[in-house]
Amino acid sequence: LKGFVEIGLPCFEPKGAFYAFPSIKHTGLTSEQFAEQLLNETKVAVVPGNVLGSCGEGHIRCSYASSVQNLTEALERMGTFLQSLAQKM
């Protein structure tokens, strides 16, 4: 959670699951656009929040059932992606 907040993605603490659901609303992208661009540009896969229902739009679903090394790398790549988006805005 700290990693998401540090790269600019607000996130509630998950309760009883191994998924985080950070907000991407400030990027101006839909959850599908964000997930697709993130995958194409950084090779980090997330689930667009809209597949979980209309209330999920503006969020992405991220599993943290992986090694600390993989999670750290994914967060670094996501941070770089967010910086590039900010420069385009």
Protein backbone atom coordinates (compact mmCIF):
# COMPACT_ATOMS: atom_id res chain seq x y z
CA LEU A 1 0.00 0.00 0.00
CA LYS A 2 2.82 2.35 0.85
CA GLY A 3 4.29 1.77 -2.62
CA PHE A 4 1.04 2.72 -4.34
CA VAL A 5 0.73 5.88 -2.30
CA GLU A 6 4.36 6.79 -3.01
CA ILE A 7 3.81 6.61 -6.78
CA GLY A 8 0.59 8.61 -6.55
CA LEU A 9 -2.12 5.94 -6.50
CA PRO A 10 -4.38 6.26 -3.46
CA CYS A 11 -5.42 2.88 -2.15
CA PHE A 12 -7.59 1.57 0.67
CA GLU A 13 -6.22 -1.20 2.85
CA PRO A 14 -7.52 -4.55 1.59
CA LYS A 15 -9.48 -6.66 4.06
CA GLY A 16 -9.02 -10.42 3.75
CA ALA A 17 -7.76 -10.64 0.17
CA PHE A 18 -4.45 -10.52 -1.64
CA TYR A 19 -5.57 -7.79 -4.03
CA ALA A 20 -5.19 -4.03 -3.84
CA PHE A 21 -7.61 -1.68 -5.61
CA PRO A 22 -5.80 1.64 -6.20
CA SER A 23 -7.54 4.61 -7.78
CA ILE A 24 -6.37 5.79 -11.19
CA LYS A 25 -9.07 8.46 -11.58
CA HIS A 26 -6.60 11.34 -11.65
CA THR A 27 -4.93 9.97 -14.80
CA GLY A 28 -7.94 10.76 -16.98
CA LEU A 29 -7.84 7.25 -18.44
CA THR A 30 -10.52 4.61 -18.13
CA SER A 31 -9.50 1.53 -16.22
CA GLU A 32 -9.28 -0.41 -19.50
CA GLN A 33 -7.12 2.24 -21.15
CA PHE A 34 -4.84 2.38 -18.13
CA ALA A 35 -4.46 -1.40 -17.91
CA GLU A 36 -3.79 -1.78 -21.63
CA GLN A 37 -1.26 1.05 -21.82
CA LEU A 38 0.47 -0.13 -18.64
CA LEU A 39 0.83 -3.64 -20.07
CA ASN A 40 2.02 -2.46 -23.48
CA GLU A 41 4.51 0.07 -22.14
CA THR A 42 5.82 -1.61 -18.99
CA LYS A 43 4.84 -5.30 -19.19
CA VAL A 44 2.99 -4.97 -15.86
CA ALA A 45 -0.42 -6.66 -15.92
CA VAL A 46 -3.35 -5.40 -13.83
CA VAL A 47 -7.08 -5.99 -14.08
CA PRO A 48 -9.20 -3.00 -15.12
CA GLY A 49 -11.64 -2.20 -12.35
CA ASN A 50 -14.65 -1.96 -14.63
CA VAL A 51 -14.68 -5.76 -15.10
CA LEU A 52 -15.76 -5.95 -11.45
CA GLY A 53 -18.79 -3.75 -12.08
CA SER A 54 -19.55 -0.11 -12.73
CA CYS A 55 -18.29 0.92 -9.27
CA GLY A 56 -14.85 -0.42 -10.21
CA GLU A 57 -14.31 2.12 -12.98
CA GLY A 58 -11.46 4.47 -12.11
CA HIS A 59 -9.55 1.72 -10.29
CA ILE A 60 -7.28 -1.19 -11.11
CA ARG A 61 -7.04 -4.52 -9.35
CA CYS A 62 -3.52 -5.61 -8.45
CA SER A 63 -2.56 -8.92 -6.93
CA TYR A 64 0.21 -8.86 -4.37
CA ALA A 65 0.60 -12.64 -4.28
CA SER A 66 4.16 -12.48 -5.55
CA SER A 67 7.69 -11.99 -4.30
CA VAL A 68 8.77 -8.68 -2.78
CA GLN A 69 11.30 -8.39 -5.60
CA ASN A 70 8.59 -8.72 -8.28
CA LEU A 71 6.27 -6.31 -6.48
CA THR A 72 9.03 -3.73 -6.07
CA GLU A 73 9.88 -3.97 -9.77
CA ALA A 74 6.23 -3.64 -10.77
CA LEU A 75 5.78 -0.55 -8.59
CA GLU A 76 8.90 1.03 -10.07
CA ARG A 77 7.62 0.43 -13.58
CA MET A 78 4.19 1.76 -12.66
CA GLY A 79 5.77 4.87 -11.17
CA THR A 80 7.70 5.51 -14.38
CA PHE A 81 4.51 4.98 -16.39
CA LEU A 82 2.62 7.48 -14.22
CA GLN A 83 5.40 10.03 -14.64
CA SER A 84 5.22 9.67 -18.42
CA LEU A 85 1.44 10.12 -18.30
CA ALA A 86 1.83 13.28 -16.23
CA GLN A 87 4.24 14.73 -18.78
CA LYS A 88 1.71 14.12 -21.57
CA MET A 89 -1.06 15.97 -19.70
